[in-house]
Amino acid sequence: MLGASPGRPFVTFAEPDTSPWTPPESRDGRRKPRPTKARAAAVAACVVLGVGLIGGAAAGSWLTGDSGADDSRDTFAAAGELWHGVPVDALFPPTVQGEGAGPGGTDRTWTRIAVAPDSGCADAFDPLLRKALAPVGCLRLLRATYTDATRSNVTTVGLLFTKTDAAAMTALKARFAKNGLDRRTDLMPRPYAAEGTVAAGFGDGQRASWTISVLTDVPVVVYAVSGFADGRTVTEPQAAEDAMKSGATTAPAQSGLGHEAKGLADRIERGLRKTAASATEQPS
């Protein structure tokens, strides 16, 4: 046993109470019954059930996206106003980097050479494509034309801001996918040719490859159409998805114009989503 140190109190602990447990008395003098195992189990079950119900309600809210639904609607609505609410450089940057966007995963850099005045959609699409897009309406159309680092290819990218809601955009996207509307040569978007640039001769006959993407989280259709900067006529245009396939031998495929259209459209689309999300962020 350790002895007590000088100047410090010596502390001992009481012996444990080993006497049989006696139920406490209630106010009327009768002893309260000792809890049984069955009663304890019932109490525990109620606690578990209560916690489960609370947790289940919280999980249900998370799984159904209740808290995120408002954010999605806010982003969708905010994106519909971007055509007049943000600088053109935010939607069509002067330079776009396409890391891994070229054939074989090569890098691409696109430089903007012209921005079209915002307009309607009457002359931007072939008649059948205009008809296919009609169900979602045309609020405003923004377009810009880019060239690659070698200035041998040109690509027009467009943002069609629609007049509709998310349900209609989802329906249109499903229709495009089901009927392959984004791969038909009679539904190609038209390029924007700007005088005094390498795209001056970029007309309907020069369209080589294209891509069309109907978005559902924002009311926008993103598209791009590419061609040769020297103004040569393309007799066999090919959708970007097909031109990018291994073994494709068409002129658009061999020249990488499918990658030009798809790569640039994808990066403009990413920028659009980022800008739309930033527009709905609340200041801290």
C-alpha atoms as a PDB file:
ATOM      1  CA  MET A   1       0.000   0.000   0.000  1.00  0.00           C
ATOM      2  CA  LEU A   2       1.211   3.467  -0.891  1.00  0.00           C
ATOM      3  CA  GLY A   3       1.618   5.739   2.121  1.00  0.00           C
ATOM      4  CA  ALA A   4       0.159   9.213   2.274  1.00  0.00           C
ATOM      5  CA  SER A   5       2.450  11.989   1.124  1.00  0.00           C
ATOM      6  CA  PRO A   6       3.207  14.717   3.727  1.00  0.00           C
ATOM      7  CA  GLY A   7       0.987  17.762   3.302  1.00  0.00           C
ATOM      8  CA  ARG A   8      -1.589  15.976   1.148  1.00  0.00           C
ATOM      9  CA  PRO A   9      -4.870  14.478   2.433  1.00  0.00           C
ATOM     10  CA  PHE A  10      -5.139  10.734   2.452  1.00  0.00           C
ATOM     11  CA  VAL A  11      -8.182   9.645   0.469  1.00  0.00           C
ATOM     12  CA  THR A  12      -9.957   6.308   0.797  1.00  0.00           C
ATOM     13  CA  PHE A  13     -12.877   4.970  -1.225  1.00  0.00           C
ATOM     14  CA  ALA A  14     -15.955   3.487   0.433  1.00  0.00           C
ATOM     15  CA  GLU A  15     -16.585  -0.213   0.197  1.00  0.00           C
ATOM     16  CA  PRO A  16     -19.088  -1.113  -2.560  1.00  0.00           C
ATOM     17  CA  ASP A  17     -22.672  -1.775  -1.491  1.00  0.00           C
ATOM     18  CA  THR A  18     -23.297  -5.492  -1.936  1.00  0.00           C
ATOM     19  CA  SER A  19     -26.668  -5.665  -0.197  1.00  0.00           C
ATOM     20  CA  PRO A  20     -29.697  -6.915  -2.191  1.00  0.00           C
ATOM     21  CA  TRP A  21     -31.461  -4.267  -4.271  1.00  0.00           C
ATOM     22  CA  THR A  22     -34.585  -2.912  -2.607  1.00  0.00           C
ATOM     23  CA  PRO A  23     -37.182  -1.141  -4.736  1.00  0.00           C
ATOM     24  CA  PRO A  24     -37.721   2.490  -3.735  1.00  0.00           C
ATOM     25  CA  GLU A  25     -40.983   3.454  -2.110  1.00  0.00           C
ATOM     26  CA  SER A  26     -43.557   5.522  -3.933  1.00  0.00           C
ATOM     27  CA  ARG A  27     -45.437   8.370  -2.313  1.00  0.00           C
ATOM     28  CA  ASP A  28     -48.226   6.052  -1.121  1.00  0.00           C
ATOM     29  CA  GLY A  29     -45.739   3.864   0.687  1.00  0.00           C
ATOM     30  CA  ARG A  30     -45.802   0.998  -1.794  1.00  0.00           C
ATOM     31  CA  ARG A  31     -42.589  -0.139  -3.352  1.00  0.00           C
ATOM     32  CA  LYS A  32     -42.104   0.442  -7.073  1.00  0.00           C
ATOM     33  CA  PRO A  33     -41.623  -2.747  -9.093  1.00  0.00           C
ATOM     34  CA  ARG A  34     -38.112  -3.398 -10.349  1.00  0.00           C
ATOM     35  CA  PRO A  35     -37.857  -2.978 -14.152  1.00  0.00           C
ATOM     36  CA  THR A  36     -38.038  -6.289 -15.968  1.00  0.00           C
ATOM     37  CA  LYS A  37     -35.991  -7.333 -18.971  1.00  0.00           C
ATOM     38  CA  ALA A  38     -39.121  -7.272 -21.134  1.00  0.00           C
ATOM     39  CA  ARG A  39     -39.919  -3.713 -20.117  1.00  0.00           C
ATOM     40  CA  ALA A  40     -36.338  -2.605 -20.763  1.00  0.00           C
ATOM     41  CA  ALA A  41     -36.443  -4.232 -24.177  1.00  0.00           C
ATOM     42  CA  ALA A  42     -39.695  -2.450 -25.010  1.00  0.00           C
ATOM     43  CA  VAL A  43     -38.241   0.911 -24.045  1.00  0.00           C
ATOM     44  CA  ALA A  44     -35.155   0.261 -26.141  1.00  0.00           C
ATOM     45  CA  ALA A  45     -37.325  -0.720 -29.095  1.00  0.00           C
ATOM     46  CA  CYS A  46     -39.296   2.519 -28.858  1.00  0.00           C
ATOM     47  CA  VAL A  47     -36.084   4.533 -28.797  1.00  0.00           C
ATOM     48  CA  VAL A  48     -34.746   2.710 -31.842  1.00  0.00           C
ATOM     49  CA  LEU A  49     -38.052   3.113 -33.677  1.00  0.00           C
ATOM     50  CA  GLY A  50     -38.129   6.845 -32.960  1.00  0.00           C
ATOM     51  CA  VAL A  51     -34.587   7.354 -34.148  1.00  0.00           C
ATOM     52  CA  GLY A  52     -35.341   5.273 -37.219  1.00  0.00           C
ATOM     53  CA  LEU A  53     -38.380   7.354 -38.111  1.00  0.00           C
ATOM     54  CA  ILE A  54     -36.426  10.589 -37.768  1.00  0.00           C
ATOM     55  CA  GLY A  55     -33.504   9.243 -39.745  1.00  0.00           C
ATOM     56  CA  GLY A  56     -35.807   7.788 -42.371  1.00  0.00           C
ATOM     57  CA  ALA A  57     -37.537  11.112 -42.860  1.00  0.00           C
ATOM     58  CA  ALA A  58     -34.207  12.862 -43.268  1.00  0.00           C
ATOM     59  CA  ALA A  59     -32.949  10.205 -45.661  1.00  0.00           C
ATOM     60  CA  GLY A  60     -36.155  10.384 -47.667  1.00  0.00           C
ATOM     61  CA  SER A  61     -35.758  14.116 -48.070  1.00  0.00           C
ATOM     62  CA  TRP A  62     -32.170  13.632 -49.242  1.00  0.00           C
ATOM     63  CA  LEU A  63     -32.996  10.820 -51.637  1.00  0.00           C
ATOM     64  CA  THR A  64     -35.863  12.667 -53.277  1.00  0.00           C
ATOM     65  CA  GLY A  65     -33.744  15.766 -53.645  1.00  0.00           C
ATOM     66  CA  ASP A  66     -36.192  18.061 -51.901  1.00  0.00           C
ATOM     67  CA  SER A  67     -33.468  20.441 -50.775  1.00  0.00           C
ATOM     68  CA  GLY A  68     -31.795  20.413 -54.180  1.00  0.00           C
ATOM     69  CA  ALA A  69     -34.943  20.869 -56.238  1.00  0.00           C
ATOM     70  CA  ASP A  70     -35.155  24.572 -55.471  1.00  0.00           C
ATOM     71  CA  ASP A  71     -31.492  25.017 -56.379  1.00  0.00           C
ATOM     72  CA  SER A  72     -32.042  23.276 -59.714  1.00  0.00           C
ATOM     73  CA  ARG A  73     -35.051  25.452 -60.505  1.00  0.00           C
ATOM     74  CA  ASP A  74     -33.120  28.575 -59.568  1.00  0.00           C
ATOM     75  CA  THR A  75     -30.215  27.583 -61.805  1.00  0.00           C
ATOM     76  CA  PHE A  76     -32.560  26.767 -64.688  1.00  0.00           C
ATOM     77  CA  ALA A  77     -34.317  30.120 -64.390  1.00  0.00           C
ATOM     78  CA  ALA A  78     -31.077  32.074 -63.981  1.00  0.00           C
ATOM     79  CA  ALA A  79     -29.544  30.431 -67.048  1.00  0.00           C
ATOM     80  CA  GLY A  80     -32.418  31.652 -69.179  1.00  0.00           C
ATOM     81  CA  GLU A  81     -31.380  35.241 -68.433  1.00  0.00           C
ATOM     82  CA  LEU A  82     -27.670  34.850 -69.156  1.00  0.00           C
ATOM     83  CA  TRP A  83     -27.921  35.946 -72.772  1.00  0.00           C
ATOM     84  CA  HIS A  84     -28.356  39.571 -71.701  1.00  0.00           C
ATOM     85  CA  GLY A  85     -27.008  39.478 -68.158  1.00  0.00           C
ATOM     86  CA  VAL A  86     -23.340  38.486 -68.525  1.00  0.00           C
ATOM     87  CA  PRO A  87     -20.420  39.735 -70.656  1.00  0.00           C
ATOM     88  CA  VAL A  88     -19.870  37.966 -73.953  1.00  0.00           C
ATOM     89  CA  ASP A  89     -16.429  36.822 -72.790  1.00  0.00           C
ATOM     90  CA  ALA A  90     -18.079  34.745 -70.061  1.00  0.00           C
ATOM     91  CA  LEU A  91     -20.071  32.763 -72.624  1.00  0.00           C
ATOM     92  CA  PHE A  92     -17.593  32.832 -75.514  1.00  0.00           C
ATOM     93  CA  PRO A  93     -14.071  33.295 -74.091  1.00  0.00           C
ATOM     94  CA  PRO A  94     -11.503  34.905 -76.427  1.00  0.00           C
ATOM     95  CA  THR A  95      -9.390  31.751 -76.080  1.00  0.00           C
ATOM     96  CA  VAL A  96     -10.610  28.259 -75.245  1.00  0.00           C
ATOM     97  CA  GLN A  97      -8.238  25.515 -74.178  1.00  0.00           C
ATOM     98  CA  GLY A  98      -9.106  21.978 -75.240  1.00  0.00           C
ATOM     99  CA  GLU A  99      -6.829  19.689 -73.302  1.00  0.00           C
ATOM    100  CA  GLY A 100      -7.085  16.219 -74.846  1.00  0.00           C
ATOM    101  CA  ALA A 101      -9.843  17.364 -77.226  1.00  0.00           C
ATOM    102  CA  GLY A 102      -8.089  16.507 -80.481  1.00  0.00           C
ATOM    103  CA  PRO A 103      -7.648  13.181 -82.281  1.00  0.00           C
ATOM    104  CA  GLY A 104      -5.685  10.733 -80.169  1.00  0.00           C
ATOM    105  CA  GLY A 105      -6.085  12.903 -77.098  1.00  0.00           C
ATOM    106  CA  THR A 106      -4.022  15.777 -78.466  1.00  0.00           C
ATOM    107  CA  ASP A 107      -4.555  19.260 -77.094  1.00  0.00           C
ATOM    108  CA  ARG A 108      -6.426  21.984 -78.916  1.00  0.00           C
ATOM    109  CA  THR A 109      -6.564  25.766 -78.593  1.00  0.00           C
ATOM    110  CA  TRP A 110      -9.339  27.786 -80.199  1.00  0.00           C
ATOM    111  CA  THR A 111      -9.241  31.537 -80.733  1.00  0.00           C
ATOM    112  CA  ARG A 112     -12.398  33.568 -81.162  1.00  0.00           C
ATOM    113  CA  ILE A 113     -12.403  35.559 -84.393  1.00  0.00           C
ATOM    114  CA  ALA A 114     -15.990  36.842 -84.524  1.00  0.00           C
ATOM    115  CA  VAL A 115     -19.126  37.231 -82.407  1.00  0.00           C
ATOM    116  CA  ALA A 116     -22.488  37.531 -84.112  1.00  0.00           C
ATOM    117  CA  PRO A 117     -25.043  40.083 -82.882  1.00  0.00           C
ATOM    118  CA  ASP A 118     -27.644  38.306 -80.742  1.00  0.00           C
ATOM    119  CA  SER A 119     -30.636  37.446 -82.867  1.00  0.00           C
ATOM    120  CA  GLY A 120     -33.583  35.196 -83.450  1.00  0.00           C
ATOM    121  CA  CYS A 121     -33.316  31.751 -85.017  1.00  0.00           C
ATOM    122  CA  ALA A 122     -34.908  32.253 -88.432  1.00  0.00           C
ATOM    123  CA  ASP A 123     -31.713  32.009 -90.505  1.00  0.00           C
ATOM    124  CA  ALA A 124     -29.484  30.005 -88.182  1.00  0.00           C
ATOM    125  CA  PHE A 125     -30.746  26.518 -88.988  1.00  0.00           C
ATOM    126  CA  ASP A 126     -31.784  24.437 -91.941  1.00  0.00           C
ATOM    127  CA  PRO A 127     -35.600  24.348 -92.251  1.00  0.00           C
ATOM    128  CA  LEU A 128     -36.033  20.855 -90.816  1.00  0.00           C
ATOM    129  CA  LEU A 129     -33.818  21.581 -87.819  1.00  0.00           C
ATOM    130  CA  ARG A 130     -35.728  24.793 -87.169  1.00  0.00           C
ATOM    131  CA  LYS A 131     -38.938  22.736 -87.201  1.00  0.00           C
ATOM    132  CA  ALA A 132     -37.445  20.132 -84.841  1.00  0.00           C
ATOM    133  CA  LEU A 133     -36.463  22.836 -82.350  1.00  0.00           C
ATOM    134  CA  ALA A 134     -39.762  24.721 -82.598  1.00  0.00           C
ATOM    135  CA  PRO A 135     -41.447  22.999 -79.586  1.00  0.00           C
ATOM    136  CA  VAL A 136     -39.066  24.708 -77.141  1.00  0.00           C
ATOM    137  CA  GLY A 137     -39.178  28.114 -78.815  1.00  0.00           C
ATOM    138  CA  CYS A 138     -36.376  30.551 -79.522  1.00  0.00           C
ATOM    139  CA  LEU A 139     -35.863  33.303 -76.984  1.00  0.00           C
ATOM    140  CA  ARG A 140     -32.455  34.393 -78.259  1.00  0.00           C
ATOM    141  CA  LEU A 141     -29.531  32.984 -80.235  1.00  0.00           C
ATOM    142  CA  LEU A 142     -25.890  33.766 -79.491  1.00  0.00           C
ATOM    143  CA  ARG A 143     -23.082  32.675 -81.835  1.00  0.00           C
ATOM    144  CA  ALA A 144     -19.336  32.997 -82.140  1.00  0.00           C
ATOM    145  CA  THR A 145     -16.819  31.622 -84.621  1.00  0.00           C
ATOM    146  CA  TYR A 146     -13.401  30.281 -83.633  1.00  0.00           C
ATOM    147  CA  THR A 147     -10.325  29.070 -85.460  1.00  0.00           C
ATOM    148  CA  ASP A 148      -7.765  26.513 -84.384  1.00  0.00           C
ATOM    149  CA  ALA A 149      -4.090  27.247 -83.658  1.00  0.00           C
ATOM    150  CA  THR A 150      -3.106  26.509 -87.272  1.00  0.00           C
ATOM    151  CA  ARG A 151      -5.911  28.713 -88.641  1.00  0.00           C
ATOM    152  CA  SER A 152      -6.801  25.899 -91.024  1.00  0.00           C
ATOM    153  CA  ASN A 153     -10.149  25.011 -89.408  1.00  0.00           C
ATOM    154  CA  VAL A 154     -13.074  27.189 -88.371  1.00  0.00           C
ATOM    155  CA  THR A 155     -15.939  26.370 -86.021  1.00  0.00           C
ATOM    156  CA  THR A 156     -19.117  28.235 -85.174  1.00  0.00           C
ATOM    157  CA  VAL A 157     -20.577  27.513 -81.756  1.00  0.00           C
ATOM    158  CA  GLY A 158     -24.085  28.595 -80.804  1.00  0.00           C
ATOM    159  CA  LEU A 159     -26.239  28.920 -77.693  1.00  0.00           C
ATOM    160  CA  LEU A 160     -29.957  28.780 -78.378  1.00  0.00           C
ATOM    161  CA  PHE A 161     -31.839  30.098 -75.339  1.00  0.00           C
ATOM    162  CA  THR A 162     -35.309  28.564 -75.345  1.00  0.00           C
ATOM    163  CA  LYS A 163     -38.649  29.751 -73.975  1.00  0.00           C
ATOM    164  CA  THR A 164     -39.646  26.560 -72.225  1.00  0.00           C
ATOM    165  CA  ASP A 165     -39.287  24.595 -68.982  1.00  0.00           C
ATOM    166  CA  ALA A 166     -37.187  21.621 -67.922  1.00  0.00           C
ATOM    167  CA  ALA A 167     -39.897  19.079 -68.798  1.00  0.00           C
ATOM    168  CA  ALA A 168     -40.084  20.266 -72.410  1.00  0.00           C
ATOM    169  CA  MET A 169     -36.276  20.286 -72.692  1.00  0.00           C
ATOM    170  CA  THR A 170     -36.194  16.715 -71.400  1.00  0.00           C
ATOM    171  CA  ALA A 171     -38.822  15.674 -73.941  1.00  0.00           C
ATOM    172  CA  LEU A 172     -36.878  17.295 -76.789  1.00  0.00           C
ATOM    173  CA  LYS A 173     -33.642  15.642 -75.701  1.00  0.00           C
ATOM    174  CA  ALA A 174     -35.374  12.261 -75.677  1.00  0.00           C
ATOM    175  CA  ARG A 175     -36.779  12.876 -79.151  1.00  0.00           C
ATOM    176  CA  PHE A 176     -33.367  13.814 -80.530  1.00  0.00           C
ATOM    177  CA  ALA A 177     -31.847  10.668 -79.026  1.00  0.00           C
ATOM    178  CA  LYS A 178     -34.633   8.337 -80.158  1.00  0.00           C
ATOM    179  CA  ASN A 179     -34.734   9.583 -83.756  1.00  0.00           C
ATOM    180  CA  GLY A 180     -31.055  10.410 -84.199  1.00  0.00           C
ATOM    181  CA  LEU A 181     -31.889  13.995 -85.109  1.00  0.00           C
ATOM    182  CA  ASP A 182     -28.427  15.202 -84.136  1.00  0.00           C
ATOM    183  CA  ARG A 183     -26.821  13.059 -86.863  1.00  0.00           C
ATOM    184  CA  ARG A 184     -28.973  13.863 -89.890  1.00  0.00           C
ATOM    185  CA  THR A 185     -27.312  15.943 -92.598  1.00  0.00           C
ATOM    186  CA  ASP A 186     -30.603  17.691 -93.336  1.00  0.00           C
ATOM    187  CA  LEU A 187     -30.708  19.015 -89.763  1.00  0.00           C
ATOM    188  CA  MET A 188     -27.365  20.775 -89.603  1.00  0.00           C
ATOM    189  CA  PRO A 189     -26.944  24.173 -87.930  1.00  0.00           C
ATOM    190  CA  ARG A 190     -25.567  26.925 -90.115  1.00  0.00           C
ATOM    191  CA  PRO A 191     -22.188  28.616 -89.593  1.00  0.00           C
ATOM    192  CA  TYR A 192     -21.521  32.265 -88.902  1.00  0.00           C
ATOM    193  CA  ALA A 193     -19.195  33.667 -91.554  1.00  0.00           C
ATOM    194  CA  ALA A 194     -17.571  36.988 -90.642  1.00  0.00           C
ATOM    195  CA  GLU A 195     -16.097  39.271 -93.282  1.00  0.00           C
ATOM    196  CA  GLY A 196     -12.414  40.056 -92.923  1.00  0.00           C
ATOM    197  CA  THR A 197     -11.646  36.841 -91.025  1.00  0.00           C
ATOM    198  CA  VAL A 198     -10.450  33.370 -91.985  1.00  0.00           C
ATOM    199  CA  ALA A 199     -14.105  32.334 -91.697  1.00  0.00           C
ATOM    200  CA  ALA A 200     -15.275  34.716 -94.421  1.00  0.00           C
ATOM    201  CA  GLY A 201     -15.945  31.810 -96.789  1.00  0.00           C
ATOM    202  CA  PHE A 202     -17.549  29.563 -94.184  1.00  0.00           C
ATOM    203  CA  GLY A 203     -20.962  28.973 -95.714  1.00  0.00           C
ATOM    204  CA  ASP A 204     -23.503  26.162 -95.860  1.00  0.00           C
ATOM    205  CA  GLY A 205     -21.499  24.263 -98.473  1.00  0.00           C
ATOM    206  CA  GLN A 206     -18.426  24.308 -96.260  1.00  0.00           C
ATOM    207  CA  ARG A 207     -20.047  22.543 -93.306  1.00  0.00           C
ATOM    208  CA  ALA A 208     -18.051  19.416 -92.534  1.00  0.00           C
ATOM    209  CA  SER A 209     -19.040  18.244 -89.063  1.00  0.00           C
ATOM    210  CA  TRP A 210     -21.443  19.284 -86.333  1.00  0.00           C
ATOM    211  CA  THR A 211     -22.868  18.459 -82.929  1.00  0.00           C
ATOM    212  CA  ILE A 212     -26.121  19.407 -81.181  1.00  0.00           C
ATOM    213  CA  SER A 213     -26.745  19.022 -77.455  1.00  0.00           C
ATOM    214  CA  VAL A 214     -30.158  19.631 -75.851  1.00  0.00           C
ATOM    215  CA  LEU A 215     -29.549  20.485 -72.194  1.00  0.00           C
ATOM    216  CA  THR A 216     -32.077  19.757 -69.457  1.00  0.00           C
ATOM    217  CA  ASP A 217     -30.595  21.577 -66.454  1.00  0.00           C
ATOM    218  CA  VAL A 218     -30.589  24.897 -68.307  1.00  0.00           C
ATOM    219  CA  PRO A 219     -32.955  26.092 -71.090  1.00  0.00           C
ATOM    220  CA  VAL A 220     -30.277  26.034 -73.777  1.00  0.00           C
ATOM    221  CA  VAL A 221     -29.423  24.059 -76.901  1.00  0.00           C
ATOM    222  CA  VAL A 222     -25.674  24.053 -77.539  1.00  0.00           C
ATOM    223  CA  TYR A 223     -24.354  23.344 -81.015  1.00  0.00           C
ATOM    224  CA  ALA A 224     -21.221  23.667 -83.091  1.00  0.00           C
ATOM    225  CA  VAL A 225     -20.443  23.264 -86.779  1.00  0.00           C
ATOM    226  CA  SER A 226     -16.937  23.074 -88.261  1.00  0.00           C
ATOM    227  CA  GLY A 227     -15.309  23.376 -91.660  1.00  0.00           C
ATOM    228  CA  PHE A 228     -12.093  24.188 -93.504  1.00  0.00           C
ATOM    229  CA  ALA A 229     -10.795  27.748 -93.383  1.00  0.00           C
ATOM    230  CA  ASP A 230      -9.854  27.734 -97.066  1.00  0.00           C
ATOM    231  CA  GLY A 231     -13.520  27.657 -98.068  1.00  0.00           C
ATOM    232  CA  ARG A 232     -13.481  24.281 -99.768  1.00  0.00           C
ATOM    233  CA  THR A 233     -16.827  22.566-100.328  1.00  0.00           C
ATOM    234  CA  VAL A 234     -17.511  19.422 -98.323  1.00  0.00           C
ATOM    235  CA  THR A 235     -19.548  16.838-100.196  1.00  0.00           C
ATOM    236  CA  GLU A 236     -19.824  14.333 -97.366  1.00  0.00           C
ATOM    237  CA  PRO A 237     -20.413  16.070 -94.027  1.00  0.00           C
ATOM    238  CA  GLN A 238     -20.488  13.822 -90.996  1.00  0.00           C
ATOM    239  CA  ALA A 239     -21.845  14.245 -87.482  1.00  0.00           C
ATOM    240  CA  ALA A 240     -19.098  14.714 -84.913  1.00  0.00           C
ATOM    241  CA  GLU A 241     -19.983  11.567 -82.964  1.00  0.00           C
ATOM    242  CA  ASP A 242     -19.488   9.505 -86.125  1.00  0.00           C
ATOM    243  CA  ALA A 243     -16.449  11.417 -87.383  1.00  0.00           C
ATOM    244  CA  MET A 244     -14.687  10.813 -84.063  1.00  0.00           C
ATOM    245  CA  LYS A 245     -15.056   7.031 -84.236  1.00  0.00           C
ATOM    246  CA  SER A 246     -11.968   4.924 -84.729  1.00  0.00           C
ATOM    247  CA  GLY A 247     -11.610   3.881 -88.353  1.00  0.00           C
ATOM    248  CA  ALA A 248     -13.755   6.664 -89.818  1.00  0.00           C
ATOM    249  CA  THR A 249     -12.380   7.605 -93.250  1.00  0.00           C
ATOM    250  CA  THR A 250     -14.431  10.620 -94.350  1.00  0.00           C
ATOM    251  CA  ALA A 251     -12.761  13.984 -94.902  1.00  0.00           C
ATOM    252  CA  PRO A 252     -14.225  15.425 -91.661  1.00  0.00           C
ATOM    253  CA  ALA A 253     -12.930  12.422 -89.740  1.00  0.00           C
ATOM    254  CA  GLN A 254      -9.450  12.423 -91.265  1.00  0.00           C
ATOM    255  CA  SER A 255      -9.022  16.149 -90.721  1.00  0.00           C
ATOM    256  CA  GLY A 256     -10.222  16.060 -87.123  1.00  0.00           C
ATOM    257  CA  LEU A 257     -13.176  18.364 -87.763  1.00  0.00           C
ATOM    258  CA  GLY A 258     -15.454  16.141 -85.694  1.00  0.00           C
ATOM    259  CA  HIS A 259     -13.144  16.696 -82.733  1.00  0.00           C
ATOM    260  CA  GLU A 260     -13.116  20.435 -83.454  1.00  0.00           C
ATOM    261  CA  ALA A 261     -16.894  20.715 -83.289  1.00  0.00           C
ATOM    262  CA  LYS A 262     -17.399  18.400 -80.327  1.00  0.00           C
ATOM    263  CA  GLY A 263     -14.433  19.658 -78.300  1.00  0.00           C
ATOM    264  CA  LEU A 264     -15.315  23.334 -78.606  1.00  0.00           C
ATOM    265  CA  ALA A 265     -19.044  22.765 -77.971  1.00  0.00           C
ATOM    266  CA  ASP A 266     -18.312  20.751 -74.841  1.00  0.00           C
ATOM    267  CA  ARG A 267     -16.115  23.457 -73.349  1.00  0.00           C
ATOM    268  CA  ILE A 268     -18.548  26.255 -74.125  1.00  0.00           C
ATOM    269  CA  GLU A 269     -21.258  24.106 -72.508  1.00  0.00           C
ATOM    270  CA  ARG A 270     -19.160  23.618 -69.364  1.00  0.00           C
ATOM    271  CA  GLY A 271     -18.572  27.343 -69.138  1.00  0.00           C
ATOM    272  CA  LEU A 272     -22.302  28.010 -69.505  1.00  0.00           C
ATOM    273  CA  ARG A 273     -23.151  25.679 -66.635  1.00  0.00           C
ATOM    274  CA  LYS A 274     -20.474  27.227 -64.434  1.00  0.00           C
ATOM    275  CA  THR A 275     -21.741  30.721 -65.180  1.00  0.00           C
ATOM    276  CA  ALA A 276     -25.343  29.684 -64.488  1.00  0.00           C
ATOM    277  CA  ALA A 277     -24.379  28.139 -61.155  1.00  0.00           C
ATOM    278  CA  SER A 278     -22.434  31.266 -60.151  1.00  0.00           C
ATOM    279  CA  ALA A 279     -25.427  33.438 -60.986  1.00  0.00           C
ATOM    280  CA  THR A 280     -27.523  31.650 -58.336  1.00  0.00           C
ATOM    281  CA  GLU A 281     -24.941  31.641 -55.542  1.00  0.00           C
ATOM    282  CA  GLN A 282     -25.969  33.658 -52.521  1.00  0.00           C
ATOM    283  CA  PRO A 283     -23.385  36.126 -51.177  1.00  0.00           C
ATOM    284  CA  SER A 284     -21.862  35.002 -47.881  1.00  0.00           C
END
